[in-house]
Amino acid sequence: MTARGRDPDLVRAYVRTGGRTRPNRALDLVTLVHATQAAVESATAAQVAAPDAKRVLEMCRGGALSLAEISAHLDLPTSVVKILASDLLDDGLLKIPAAKAAADTALLEEVLNGLRALTA
């Protein structure tokens, strides 16, 4: 018999993550991840055992997404998404895009001067 108000399809977070409570890597909610070329082209991605990890990988095939976006789209707790993403990163199926070069200081100063001119 199920307790009143409890969802019978509820899967606890520790079941989704194999009992783990922390990811192997330090990941922030705004960390962007995308599927590697190998994950897109090969059958390796099909061998991912965890259904939730497969869903994360499928979402990331379309381009880079933040962990917060993945969590919202899949309706999973952020802690679970961090652990799943960490596993996929370790397996080489996800990748964190390289940071782009910082903007030129002179360009930023010109933009700032232009904004100041608008308010004057």
PDB file of N, CA and C in Angstrom:
ATOM      1  N   MET A   1       0.839  -1.170   0.000  1.00  0.00           N
ATOM      2  CA  MET A   1       0.000   0.000   0.000  1.00  0.00           C
ATOM      3  C   MET A   1       0.892   1.244   0.000  1.00  0.00           C
ATOM      4  N   THR A   2       0.527   2.224  -0.784  1.00  0.00           N
ATOM      5  CA  THR A   2       1.323   3.449  -0.879  1.00  0.00           C
ATOM      6  C   THR A   2       0.786   4.497   0.074  1.00  0.00           C
ATOM      7  N   ALA A   3       1.709   5.268   0.634  1.00  0.00           N
ATOM      8  CA  ALA A   3       1.294   6.353   1.521  1.00  0.00           C
ATOM      9  C   ALA A   3       0.556   7.401   0.704  1.00  0.00           C
ATOM     10  N   ARG A   4      -0.417   8.008   1.322  1.00  0.00           N
ATOM     11  CA  ARG A   4      -1.214   9.026   0.645  1.00  0.00           C
ATOM     12  C   ARG A   4      -0.340  10.219   0.267  1.00  0.00           C
ATOM     13  N   GLY A   5      -0.480  10.690  -0.967  1.00  0.00           N
ATOM     14  CA  GLY A   5       0.273  11.847  -1.419  1.00  0.00           C
ATOM     15  C   GLY A   5       1.659  11.525  -1.955  1.00  0.00           C
ATOM     16  N   ARG A   6       2.072  10.298  -1.899  1.00  0.00           N
ATOM     17  CA  ARG A   6       3.397   9.906  -2.382  1.00  0.00           C
ATOM     18  C   ARG A   6       3.274   9.387  -3.817  1.00  0.00           C
ATOM     19  N   ASP A   7       4.159   9.859  -4.670  1.00  0.00           N
ATOM     20  CA  ASP A   7       4.159   9.461  -6.075  1.00  0.00           C
ATOM     21  C   ASP A   7       4.753   8.060  -6.206  1.00  0.00           C
ATOM     22  N   PRO A   8       3.992   7.093  -6.731  1.00  0.00           N
ATOM     23  CA  PRO A   8       4.526   5.724  -6.847  1.00  0.00           C
ATOM     24  C   PRO A   8       5.657   5.610  -7.867  1.00  0.00           C
ATOM     25  N   ASP A   9       5.759   6.574  -8.791  1.00  0.00           N
ATOM     26  CA  ASP A   9       6.822   6.547  -9.796  1.00  0.00           C
ATOM     27  C   ASP A   9       8.070   7.287  -9.349  1.00  0.00           C
ATOM     28  N   LEU A  10       8.073   7.775  -8.127  1.00  0.00           N
ATOM     29  CA  LEU A  10       9.198   8.547  -7.612  1.00  0.00           C
ATOM     30  C   LEU A  10      10.450   7.675  -7.515  1.00  0.00           C
ATOM     31  N   VAL A  11      11.534   8.178  -8.074  1.00  0.00           N
ATOM     32  CA  VAL A  11      12.825   7.499  -7.961  1.00  0.00           C
ATOM     33  C   VAL A  11      13.722   8.406  -7.135  1.00  0.00           C
ATOM     34  N   ARG A  12      14.208   7.908  -6.052  1.00  0.00           N
ATOM     35  CA  ARG A  12      15.053   8.697  -5.162  1.00  0.00           C
ATOM     36  C   ARG A  12      16.359   9.081  -5.845  1.00  0.00           C
ATOM     37  N   ALA A  13      16.883  10.230  -5.459  1.00  0.00           N
ATOM     38  CA  ALA A  13      18.112  10.749  -6.068  1.00  0.00           C
ATOM     39  C   ALA A  13      19.272   9.772  -5.901  1.00  0.00           C
ATOM     40  N   TYR A  14      19.378   9.134  -4.743  1.00  0.00           N
ATOM     41  CA  TYR A  14      20.512   8.231  -4.526  1.00  0.00           C
ATOM     42  C   TYR A  14      20.428   6.990  -5.411  1.00  0.00           C
ATOM     43  N   VAL A  15      19.238   6.640  -5.859  1.00  0.00           N
ATOM     44  CA  VAL A  15      19.094   5.518  -6.789  1.00  0.00           C
ATOM     45  C   VAL A  15      19.585   5.937  -8.175  1.00  0.00           C
ATOM     46  N   ARG A  16      19.265   7.167  -8.566  1.00  0.00           N
ATOM     47  CA  ARG A  16      19.670   7.681  -9.880  1.00  0.00           C
ATOM     48  C   ARG A  16      21.189   7.822  -9.994  1.00  0.00           C
ATOM     49  N   THR A  17      21.861   8.033  -8.866  1.00  0.00           N
ATOM     50  CA  THR A  17      23.307   8.288  -8.883  1.00  0.00           C
ATOM     51  C   THR A  17      24.121   7.111  -8.359  1.00  0.00           C
ATOM     52  N   GLY A  18      23.493   5.998  -8.132  1.00  0.00           N
ATOM     53  CA  GLY A  18      24.214   4.835  -7.621  1.00  0.00           C
ATOM     54  C   GLY A  18      24.666   5.019  -6.180  1.00  0.00           C
ATOM     55  N   GLY A  19      23.927   5.790  -5.412  1.00  0.00           N
ATOM     56  CA  GLY A  19      24.239   5.994  -4.003  1.00  0.00           C
ATOM     57  C   GLY A  19      25.214   7.119  -3.723  1.00  0.00           C
ATOM     58  N   ARG A  20      25.698   7.779  -4.760  1.00  0.00           N
ATOM     59  CA  ARG A  20      26.673   8.862  -4.556  1.00  0.00           C
ATOM     60  C   ARG A  20      25.964  10.181  -4.259  1.00  0.00           C
ATOM     61  N   THR A  21      26.610  10.996  -3.466  1.00  0.00           N
ATOM     62  CA  THR A  21      26.029  12.292  -3.115  1.00  0.00           C
ATOM     63  C   THR A  21      26.830  13.463  -3.655  1.00  0.00           C
ATOM     64  N   ARG A  22      28.018  13.194  -4.183  1.00  0.00           N
ATOM     65  CA  ARG A  22      28.879  14.270  -4.700  1.00  0.00           C
ATOM     66  C   ARG A  22      29.480  13.852  -6.038  1.00  0.00           C
ATOM     67  N   PRO A  23      29.625  14.837  -6.942  1.00  0.00           N
ATOM     68  CA  PRO A  23      30.277  14.524  -8.221  1.00  0.00           C
ATOM     69  C   PRO A  23      31.782  14.370  -8.049  1.00  0.00           C
ATOM     70  N   ASN A  24      32.442  13.740  -9.010  1.00  0.00           N
ATOM     71  CA  ASN A  24      33.896  13.567  -8.981  1.00  0.00           C
ATOM     72  C   ASN A  24      34.629  14.860  -9.298  1.00  0.00           C
ATOM     73  N   ARG A  25      33.924  15.799  -9.903  1.00  0.00           N
ATOM     74  CA  ARG A  25      34.514  17.077 -10.315  1.00  0.00           C
ATOM     75  C   ARG A  25      33.764  18.224  -9.653  1.00  0.00           C
ATOM     76  N   ALA A  26      34.453  19.353  -9.542  1.00  0.00           N
ATOM     77  CA  ALA A  26      33.803  20.565  -9.026  1.00  0.00           C
ATOM     78  C   ALA A  26      33.082  21.232 -10.194  1.00  0.00           C
ATOM     79  N   LEU A  27      31.769  21.109 -10.224  1.00  0.00           N
ATOM     80  CA  LEU A  27      30.968  21.686 -11.298  1.00  0.00           C
ATOM     81  C   LEU A  27      29.988  22.693 -10.716  1.00  0.00           C
ATOM     82  N   ASP A  28      29.835  23.808 -11.411  1.00  0.00           N
ATOM     83  CA  ASP A  28      28.895  24.844 -11.008  1.00  0.00           C
ATOM     84  C   ASP A  28      27.629  24.698 -11.852  1.00  0.00           C
ATOM     85  N   LEU A  29      26.535  25.279 -11.397  1.00  0.00           N
ATOM     86  CA  LEU A  29      25.290  25.183 -12.150  1.00  0.00           C
ATOM     87  C   LEU A  29      25.361  25.878 -13.504  1.00  0.00           C
ATOM     88  N   VAL A  30      26.246  26.864 -13.637  1.00  0.00           N
ATOM     89  CA  VAL A  30      26.363  27.575 -14.914  1.00  0.00           C
ATOM     90  C   VAL A  30      27.431  26.962 -15.818  1.00  0.00           C
ATOM     91  N   THR A  31      28.032  25.860 -15.394  1.00  0.00           N
ATOM     92  CA  THR A  31      29.017  25.168 -16.228  1.00  0.00           C
ATOM     93  C   THR A  31      28.339  24.678 -17.500  1.00  0.00           C
ATOM     94  N   LEU A  32      28.938  25.018 -18.634  1.00  0.00           N
ATOM     95  CA  LEU A  32      28.415  24.564 -19.925  1.00  0.00           C
ATOM     96  C   LEU A  32      29.062  23.238 -20.297  1.00  0.00           C
ATOM     97  N   VAL A  33      28.261  22.331 -20.820  1.00  0.00           N
ATOM     98  CA  VAL A  33      28.771  21.049 -21.301  1.00  0.00           C
ATOM     99  C   VAL A  33      28.133  20.744 -22.654  1.00  0.00           C
ATOM    100  N   HIS A  34      28.839  20.002 -23.476  1.00  0.00           N
ATOM    101  CA  HIS A  34      28.278  19.525 -24.743  1.00  0.00           C
ATOM    102  C   HIS A  34      28.842  18.147 -25.038  1.00  0.00           C
ATOM    103  N   ALA A  35      28.137  17.417 -25.895  1.00  0.00           N
ATOM    104  CA  ALA A  35      28.567  16.068 -26.257  1.00  0.00           C
ATOM    105  C   ALA A  35      29.825  16.139 -27.108  1.00  0.00           C
ATOM    106  N   THR A  36      30.731  15.213 -26.878  1.00  0.00           N
ATOM    107  CA  THR A  36      31.946  15.150 -27.690  1.00  0.00           C
ATOM    108  C   THR A  36      31.604  14.564 -29.057  1.00  0.00           C
ATOM    109  N   GLN A  37      32.492  14.764 -30.001  1.00  0.00           N
ATOM    110  CA  GLN A  37      32.284  14.221 -31.348  1.00  0.00           C
ATOM    111  C   GLN A  37      32.171  12.702 -31.297  1.00  0.00           C
ATOM    112  N   ALA A  38      32.954  12.083 -30.435  1.00  0.00           N
ATOM    113  CA  ALA A  38      32.905  10.624 -30.299  1.00  0.00           C
ATOM    114  C   ALA A  38      31.533  10.165 -29.811  1.00  0.00           C
ATOM    115  N   ALA A  39      30.940  10.928 -28.898  1.00  0.00           N
ATOM    116  CA  ALA A  39      29.622  10.571 -28.372  1.00  0.00           C
ATOM    117  C   ALA A  39      28.549  10.719 -29.440  1.00  0.00           C
ATOM    118  N   VAL A  40      28.719  11.688 -30.314  1.00  0.00           N
ATOM    119  CA  VAL A  40      27.735  11.921 -31.370  1.00  0.00           C
ATOM    120  C   VAL A  40      27.837  10.849 -32.452  1.00  0.00           C
ATOM    121  N   GLU A  41      29.058  10.467 -32.803  1.00  0.00           N
ATOM    122  CA  GLU A  41      29.274   9.563 -33.938  1.00  0.00           C
ATOM    123  C   GLU A  41      29.256   8.080 -33.589  1.00  0.00           C
ATOM    124  N   SER A  42      29.608   7.734 -32.370  1.00  0.00           N
ATOM    125  CA  SER A  42      29.811   6.311 -32.076  1.00  0.00           C
ATOM    126  C   SER A  42      28.656   5.693 -31.313  1.00  0.00           C
ATOM    127  N   ALA A  43      28.739   4.395 -31.201  1.00  0.00           N
ATOM    128  CA  ALA A  43      27.748   3.649 -30.437  1.00  0.00           C
ATOM    129  C   ALA A  43      28.091   3.631 -28.958  1.00  0.00           C
ATOM    130  N   THR A  44      29.216   4.251 -28.581  1.00  0.00           N
ATOM    131  CA  THR A  44      29.617   4.287 -27.173  1.00  0.00           C
ATOM    132  C   THR A  44      28.526   4.923 -26.334  1.00  0.00           C
ATOM    133  N   ALA A  45      27.903   5.949 -26.878  1.00  0.00           N
ATOM    134  CA  ALA A  45      26.847   6.642 -26.148  1.00  0.00           C
ATOM    135  C   ALA A  45      25.669   5.717 -25.876  1.00  0.00           C
ATOM    136  N   ALA A  46      25.420   4.786 -26.774  1.00  0.00           N
ATOM    137  CA  ALA A  46      24.314   3.850 -26.587  1.00  0.00           C
ATOM    138  C   ALA A  46      24.603   2.866 -25.463  1.00  0.00           C
ATOM    139  N   GLN A  47      25.860   2.734 -25.090  1.00  0.00           N
ATOM    140  CA  GLN A  47      26.243   1.795 -24.043  1.00  0.00           C
ATOM    141  C   GLN A  47      26.143   2.393 -22.644  1.00  0.00           C
ATOM    142  N   VAL A  48      25.763   3.663 -22.548  1.00  0.00           N
ATOM    143  CA  VAL A  48      25.601   4.296 -21.239  1.00  0.00           C
ATOM    144  C   VAL A  48      24.459   3.588 -20.528  1.00  0.00           C
ATOM    145  N   ALA A  49      24.737   3.073 -19.351  1.00  0.00           N
ATOM    146  CA  ALA A  49      23.770   2.228 -18.657  1.00  0.00           C
ATOM    147  C   ALA A  49      22.632   3.010 -18.012  1.00  0.00           C
ATOM    148  N   ALA A  50      22.952   4.114 -17.363  1.00  0.00           N
ATOM    149  CA  ALA A  50      21.937   4.849 -16.612  1.00  0.00           C
ATOM    150  C   ALA A  50      21.006   5.601 -17.557  1.00  0.00           C
ATOM    151  N   PRO A  51      19.702   5.387 -17.436  1.00  0.00           N
ATOM    152  CA  PRO A  51      18.756   6.071 -18.321  1.00  0.00           C
ATOM    153  C   PRO A  51      18.846   7.594 -18.218  1.00  0.00           C
ATOM    154  N   ASP A  52      19.047   8.103 -17.011  1.00  0.00           N
ATOM    155  CA  ASP A  52      19.142   9.553 -16.844  1.00  0.00           C
ATOM    156  C   ASP A  52      20.403  10.100 -17.504  1.00  0.00           C
ATOM    157  N   ALA A  53      21.489   9.349 -17.451  1.00  0.00           N
ATOM    158  CA  ALA A  53      22.725   9.778 -18.109  1.00  0.00           C
ATOM    159  C   ALA A  53      22.530   9.810 -19.622  1.00  0.00           C
ATOM    160  N   LYS A  54      21.778   8.854 -20.154  1.00  0.00           N
ATOM    161  CA  LYS A  54      21.471   8.855 -21.588  1.00  0.00           C
ATOM    162  C   LYS A  54      20.684  10.105 -21.962  1.00  0.00           C
ATOM    163  N   ARG A  55      19.733  10.469 -21.115  1.00  0.00           N
ATOM    164  CA  ARG A  55      18.915  11.657 -21.391  1.00  0.00           C
ATOM    165  C   ARG A  55      19.772  12.916 -21.370  1.00  0.00           C
ATOM    166  N   VAL A  56      20.702  13.004 -20.424  1.00  0.00           N
ATOM    167  CA  VAL A  56      21.608  14.158 -20.356  1.00  0.00           C
ATOM    168  C   VAL A  56      22.441  14.217 -21.631  1.00  0.00           C
ATOM    169  N   LEU A  57      22.984  13.093 -22.044  1.00  0.00           N
ATOM    170  CA  LEU A  57      23.817  13.037 -23.242  1.00  0.00           C
ATOM    171  C   LEU A  57      23.024  13.418 -24.489  1.00  0.00           C
ATOM    172  N   GLU A  58      21.805  12.936 -24.604  1.00  0.00           N
ATOM    173  CA  GLU A  58      20.963  13.269 -25.759  1.00  0.00           C
ATOM    174  C   GLU A  58      20.719  14.777 -25.834  1.00  0.00           C
ATOM    175  N   MET A  59      20.467  15.396 -24.691  1.00  0.00           N
ATOM    176  CA  MET A  59      20.233  16.848 -24.680  1.00  0.00           C
ATOM    177  C   MET A  59      21.462  17.611 -25.138  1.00  0.00           C
ATOM    178  N   CYS A  60      22.622  17.129 -24.756  1.00  0.00           N
ATOM    179  CA  CYS A  60      23.867  17.853 -25.039  1.00  0.00           C
ATOM    180  C   CYS A  60      24.374  17.635 -26.456  1.00  0.00           C
ATOM    181  N   ARG A  61      23.744  16.764 -27.207  1.00  0.00           N
ATOM    182  CA  ARG A  61      24.148  16.555 -28.602  1.00  0.00           C
ATOM    183  C   ARG A  61      23.798  17.756 -29.469  1.00  0.00           C
ATOM    184  N   GLY A  62      22.813  18.535 -29.070  1.00  0.00           N
ATOM    185  CA  GLY A  62      22.394  19.687 -29.856  1.00  0.00           C
ATOM    186  C   GLY A  62      23.263  20.914 -29.660  1.00  0.00           C
ATOM    187  N   GLY A  63      24.131  20.899 -28.679  1.00  0.00           N
ATOM    188  CA  GLY A  63      24.990  22.048 -28.393  1.00  0.00           C
ATOM    189  C   GLY A  63      25.201  22.200 -26.904  1.00  0.00           C
ATOM    190  N   ALA A  64      25.941  23.219 -26.545  1.00  0.00           N
ATOM    191  CA  ALA A  64      26.296  23.431 -25.141  1.00  0.00           C
ATOM    192  C   ALA A  64      25.087  23.893 -24.328  1.00  0.00           C
ATOM    193  N   LEU A  65      24.936  23.306 -23.161  1.00  0.00           N
ATOM    194  CA  LEU A  65      23.888  23.679 -22.211  1.00  0.00           C
ATOM    195  C   LEU A  65      24.502  23.768 -20.827  1.00  0.00           C
ATOM    196  N   SER A  66      23.929  24.627 -20.002  1.00  0.00           N
ATOM    197  CA  SER A  66      24.392  24.701 -18.618  1.00  0.00           C
ATOM    198  C   SER A  66      23.762  23.557 -17.829  1.00  0.00           C
ATOM    199  N   LEU A  67      24.379  23.210 -16.726  1.00  0.00           N
ATOM    200  CA  LEU A  67      23.832  22.143 -15.888  1.00  0.00           C
ATOM    201  C   LEU A  67      22.464  22.533 -15.341  1.00  0.00           C
ATOM    202  N   ALA A  68      22.256  23.824 -15.091  1.00  0.00           N
ATOM    203  CA  ALA A  68      20.951  24.295 -14.615  1.00  0.00           C
ATOM    204  C   ALA A  68      19.876  24.072 -15.679  1.00  0.00           C
ATOM    205  N   GLU A  69      20.210  24.336 -16.942  1.00  0.00           N
ATOM    206  CA  GLU A  69      19.253  24.114 -18.033  1.00  0.00           C
ATOM    207  C   GLU A  69      18.911  22.636 -18.167  1.00  0.00           C
ATOM    208  N   ILE A  70      19.917  21.800 -18.086  1.00  0.00           N
ATOM    209  CA  ILE A  70      19.690  20.355 -18.188  1.00  0.00           C
ATOM    210  C   ILE A  70      18.784  19.896 -17.056  1.00  0.00           C
ATOM    211  N   SER A  71      19.064  20.376 -15.867  1.00  0.00           N
ATOM    212  CA  SER A  71      18.264  20.026 -14.698  1.00  0.00           C
ATOM    213  C   SER A  71      16.805  20.424 -14.890  1.00  0.00           C
ATOM    214  N   ALA A  72      16.588  21.627 -15.402  1.00  0.00           N
ATOM    215  CA  ALA A  72      15.223  22.117 -15.598  1.00  0.00           C
ATOM    216  C   ALA A  72      14.497  21.332 -16.693  1.00  0.00           C
ATOM    217  N   HIS A  73      15.164  21.099 -17.812  1.00  0.00           N
ATOM    218  CA  HIS A  73      14.529  20.392 -18.928  1.00  0.00           C
ATOM    219  C   HIS A  73      14.186  18.950 -18.581  1.00  0.00           C
ATOM    220  N   LEU A  74      15.038  18.300 -17.817  1.00  0.00           N
ATOM    221  CA  LEU A  74      14.818  16.893 -17.481  1.00  0.00           C
ATOM    222  C   LEU A  74      14.068  16.711 -16.167  1.00  0.00           C
ATOM    223  N   ASP A  75      13.784  17.817 -15.493  1.00  0.00           N
ATOM    224  CA  ASP A  75      13.084  17.779 -14.205  1.00  0.00           C
ATOM    225  C   ASP A  75      13.809  16.867 -13.211  1.00  0.00           C
ATOM    226  N   LEU A  76      15.124  17.070 -13.131  1.00  0.00           N
ATOM    227  CA  LEU A  76      15.969  16.321 -12.200  1.00  0.00           C
ATOM    228  C   LEU A  76      16.602  17.291 -11.211  1.00  0.00           C
ATOM    229  N   PRO A  77      16.865  16.854  -9.996  1.00  0.00           N
ATOM    230  CA  PRO A  77      17.570  17.718  -9.045  1.00  0.00           C
ATOM    231  C   PRO A  77      18.953  18.092  -9.579  1.00  0.00           C
ATOM    232  N   THR A  78      19.390  19.297  -9.272  1.00  0.00           N
ATOM    233  CA  THR A  78      20.689  19.760  -9.768  1.00  0.00           C
ATOM    234  C   THR A  78      21.830  18.882  -9.265  1.00  0.00           C
ATOM    235  N   SER A  79      21.708  18.369  -8.060  1.00  0.00           N
ATOM    236  CA  SER A  79      22.771  17.507  -7.530  1.00  0.00           C
ATOM    237  C   SER A  79      22.910  16.237  -8.367  1.00  0.00           C
ATOM    238  N   VAL A  80      21.804  15.697  -8.828  1.00  0.00           N
ATOM    239  CA  VAL A  80      21.832  14.498  -9.667  1.00  0.00           C
ATOM    240  C   VAL A  80      22.471  14.815 -11.015  1.00  0.00           C
ATOM    241  N   VAL A  81      22.105  15.950 -11.600  1.00  0.00           N
ATOM    242  CA  VAL A  81      22.660  16.337 -12.905  1.00  0.00           C
ATOM    243  C   VAL A  81      24.166  16.554 -12.797  1.00  0.00           C
ATOM    244  N   LYS A  82      24.625  17.151 -11.703  1.00  0.00           N
ATOM    245  CA  LYS A  82      26.070  17.347 -11.518  1.00  0.00           C
ATOM    246  C   LYS A  82      26.807  16.011 -11.491  1.00  0.00           C
ATOM    247  N   ILE A  83      26.257  15.036 -10.793  1.00  0.00           N
ATOM    248  CA  ILE A  83      26.896  13.721 -10.689  1.00  0.00           C
ATOM    249  C   ILE A  83      26.880  13.005 -12.039  1.00  0.00           C
ATOM    250  N   LEU A  84      25.748  13.050 -12.738  1.00  0.00           N
ATOM    251  CA  LEU A  84      25.656  12.400 -14.048  1.00  0.00           C
ATOM    252  C   LEU A  84      26.593  13.057 -15.057  1.00  0.00           C
ATOM    253  N   ALA A  85      26.637  14.387 -15.055  1.00  0.00           N
ATOM    254  CA  ALA A  85      27.529  15.106 -15.972  1.00  0.00           C
ATOM    255  C   ALA A  85      28.984  14.793 -15.655  1.00  0.00           C
ATOM    256  N   SER A  86      29.313  14.716 -14.376  1.00  0.00           N
ATOM    257  CA  SER A  86      30.674  14.386 -13.969  1.00  0.00           C
ATOM    258  C   SER A  86      31.072  13.007 -14.493  1.00  0.00           C
ATOM    259  N   ASP A  87      30.175  12.047 -14.390  1.00  0.00           N
ATOM    260  CA  ASP A  87      30.439  10.698 -14.903  1.00  0.00           C
ATOM    261  C   ASP A  87      30.644  10.715 -16.417  1.00  0.00           C
ATOM    262  N   LEU A  88      29.793  11.456 -17.123  1.00  0.00           N
ATOM    263  CA  LEU A  88      29.904  11.526 -18.583  1.00  0.00           C
ATOM    264  C   LEU A  88      31.172  12.254 -19.008  1.00  0.00           C
ATOM    265  N   LEU A  89      31.593  13.248 -18.238  1.00  0.00           N
ATOM    266  CA  LEU A  89      32.864  13.928 -18.508  1.00  0.00           C
ATOM    267  C   LEU A  89      34.027  12.958 -18.313  1.00  0.00           C
ATOM    268  N   ASP A  90      33.978  12.177 -17.234  1.00  0.00           N
ATOM    269  CA  ASP A  90      35.033  11.195 -16.963  1.00  0.00           C
ATOM    270  C   ASP A  90      35.110  10.125 -18.057  1.00  0.00           C
ATOM    271  N   ASP A  91      33.954   9.776 -18.636  1.00  0.00           N
ATOM    272  CA  ASP A  91      33.903   8.764 -19.693  1.00  0.00           C
ATOM    273  C   ASP A  91      34.256   9.330 -21.071  1.00  0.00           C
ATOM    274  N   GLY A  92      34.476  10.640 -21.141  1.00  0.00           N
ATOM    275  CA  GLY A  92      34.830  11.266 -22.413  1.00  0.00           C
ATOM    276  C   GLY A  92      33.658  11.484 -23.350  1.00  0.00           C
ATOM    277  N   LEU A  93      32.439  11.414 -22.826  1.00  0.00           N
ATOM    278  CA  LEU A  93      31.254  11.604 -23.661  1.00  0.00           C
ATOM    279  C   LEU A  93      30.748  13.043 -23.635  1.00  0.00           C
ATOM    280  N   LEU A  94      31.074  13.767 -22.576  1.00  0.00           N
ATOM    281  CA  LEU A  94      30.760  15.194 -22.486  1.00  0.00           C
ATOM    282  C   LEU A  94      32.056  15.967 -22.401  1.00  0.00           C
ATOM    283  N   LYS A  95      31.991  17.224 -22.776  1.00  0.00           N
ATOM    284  CA  LYS A  95      33.162  18.090 -22.755  1.00  0.00           C
ATOM    285  C   LYS A  95      32.740  19.478 -22.292  1.00  0.00           C
ATOM    286  N   ILE A  96      33.621  20.135 -21.558  1.00  0.00           N
ATOM    287  CA  ILE A  96      33.394  21.527 -21.170  1.00  0.00           C
ATOM    288  C   ILE A  96      34.085  22.387 -22.222  1.00  0.00           C
ATOM    289  N   PRO A  97      33.330  23.262 -22.908  1.00  0.00           N
ATOM    290  CA  PRO A  97      33.957  24.078 -23.956  1.00  0.00           C
ATOM    291  C   PRO A  97      35.060  24.962 -23.390  1.00  0.00           C
ATOM    292  N   ALA A  98      36.090  25.181 -24.195  1.00  0.00           N
ATOM    293  CA  ALA A  98      37.196  26.050 -23.783  1.00  0.00           C
ATOM    294  C   ALA A  98      36.691  27.483 -23.648  1.00  0.00           C
ATOM    295  N   ALA A  99      37.226  28.175 -22.661  1.00  0.00           N
ATOM    296  CA  ALA A  99      36.838  29.570 -22.453  1.00  0.00           C
ATOM    297  C   ALA A  99      37.359  30.415 -23.602  1.00  0.00           C
ATOM    298  N   LYS A 100      36.551  31.362 -24.010  1.00  0.00           N
ATOM    299  CA  LYS A 100      36.968  32.249 -25.092  1.00  0.00           C
ATOM    300  C   LYS A 100      37.920  33.295 -24.544  1.00  0.00           C
ATOM    301  N   ALA A 101      38.734  33.829 -25.416  1.00  0.00           N
ATOM    302  CA  ALA A 101      39.697  34.857 -25.017  1.00  0.00           C
ATOM    303  C   ALA A 101      38.961  36.075 -24.465  1.00  0.00           C
ATOM    304  N   ALA A 102      39.581  36.722 -23.502  1.00  0.00           N
ATOM    305  CA  ALA A 102      38.980  37.908 -22.894  1.00  0.00           C
ATOM    306  C   ALA A 102      38.872  39.020 -23.927  1.00  0.00           C
ATOM    307  N   ALA A 103      37.860  39.851 -23.755  1.00  0.00           N
ATOM    308  CA  ALA A 103      37.655  40.970 -24.672  1.00  0.00           C
ATOM    309  C   ALA A 103      38.796  41.975 -24.539  1.00  0.00           C
ATOM    310  N   ASP A 104      39.076  42.642 -25.616  1.00  0.00           N
ATOM    311  CA  ASP A 104      40.123  43.649 -25.655  1.00  0.00           C
ATOM    312  C   ASP A 104      39.749  44.804 -24.729  1.00  0.00           C
ATOM    313  N   THR A 105      40.679  45.229 -23.882  1.00  0.00           N
ATOM    314  CA  THR A 105      40.427  46.311 -22.929  1.00  0.00           C
ATOM    315  C   THR A 105      40.055  47.601 -23.643  1.00  0.00           C
ATOM    316  N   ALA A 106      40.708  47.896 -24.741  1.00  0.00           N
ATOM    317  CA  ALA A 106      40.414  49.130 -25.483  1.00  0.00           C
ATOM    318  C   ALA A 106      38.972  49.124 -25.987  1.00  0.00           C
ATOM    319  N   LEU A 107      38.508  47.980 -26.462  1.00  0.00           N
ATOM    320  CA  LEU A 107      37.134  47.872 -26.935  1.00  0.00           C
ATOM    321  C   LEU A 107      36.151  48.091 -25.793  1.00  0.00           C
ATOM    322  N   LEU A 108      36.428  47.498 -24.648  1.00  0.00           N
ATOM    323  CA  LEU A 108      35.551  47.675 -23.490  1.00  0.00           C
ATOM    324  C   LEU A 108      35.511  49.130 -23.037  1.00  0.00           C
ATOM    325  N   GLU A 109      36.643  49.811 -23.097  1.00  0.00           N
ATOM    326  CA  GLU A 109      36.676  51.230 -22.727  1.00  0.00           C
ATOM    327  C   GLU A 109      35.852  52.061 -23.699  1.00  0.00           C
ATOM    328  N   GLU A 110      35.907  51.738 -24.980  1.00  0.00           N
ATOM    329  CA  GLU A 110      35.100  52.455 -25.970  1.00  0.00           C
ATOM    330  C   GLU A 110      33.612  52.243 -25.713  1.00  0.00           C
ATOM    331  N   VAL A 111      33.223  51.025 -25.399  1.00  0.00           N
ATOM    332  CA  VAL A 111      31.825  50.738 -25.089  1.00  0.00           C
ATOM    333  C   VAL A 111      31.395  51.516 -23.858  1.00  0.00           C
ATOM    334  N   LEU A 112      32.224  51.530 -22.830  1.00  0.00           N
ATOM    335  CA  LEU A 112      31.915  52.268 -21.609  1.00  0.00           C
ATOM    336  C   LEU A 112      31.775  53.758 -21.894  1.00  0.00           C
ATOM    337  N   ASN A 113      32.682  54.308 -22.683  1.00  0.00           N
ATOM    338  CA  ASN A 113      32.592  55.727 -23.038  1.00  0.00           C
ATOM    339  C   ASN A 113      31.317  56.012 -23.825  1.00  0.00           C
ATOM    340  N   GLY A 114      30.943  55.109 -24.710  1.00  0.00           N
ATOM    341  CA  GLY A 114      29.703  55.276 -25.468  1.00  0.00           C
ATOM    342  C   GLY A 114      28.485  55.249 -24.569  1.00  0.00           C
ATOM    343  N   LEU A 115      28.479  54.364 -23.589  1.00  0.00           N
ATOM    344  CA  LEU A 115      27.363  54.306 -22.640  1.00  0.00           C
ATOM    345  C   LEU A 115      27.290  55.567 -21.794  1.00  0.00           C
ATOM    346  N   ARG A 116      28.428  56.061 -21.384  1.00  0.00           N
ATOM    347  CA  ARG A 116      28.458  57.311 -20.610  1.00  0.00           C
ATOM    348  C   ARG A 116      27.934  58.471 -21.447  1.00  0.00           C
ATOM    349  N   ALA A 117      28.268  58.482 -22.735  1.00  0.00           N
ATOM    350  CA  ALA A 117      27.801  59.553 -23.622  1.00  0.00           C
ATOM    351  C   ALA A 117      26.283  59.504 -23.781  1.00  0.00           C
ATOM    352  N   LEU A 118      25.708  58.321 -23.734  1.00  0.00           N
ATOM    353  CA  LEU A 118      24.256  58.193 -23.851  1.00  0.00           C
ATOM    354  C   LEU A 118      23.529  58.772 -22.645  1.00  0.00           C
ATOM    355  N   THR A 119      24.123  58.656 -21.483  1.00  0.00           N
ATOM    356  CA  THR A 119      23.471  59.141 -20.260  1.00  0.00           C
ATOM    357  C   THR A 119      23.758  60.606 -19.995  1.00  0.00           C
ATOM    358  N   ALA A 120      24.695  61.211 -20.713  1.00  0.00           N
ATOM    359  CA  ALA A 120      25.045  62.621 -20.479  1.00  0.00           C
ATOM    360  C   ALA A 120      24.105  63.550 -21.194  1.00  0.00           C
TER     361      ALA A 120
END
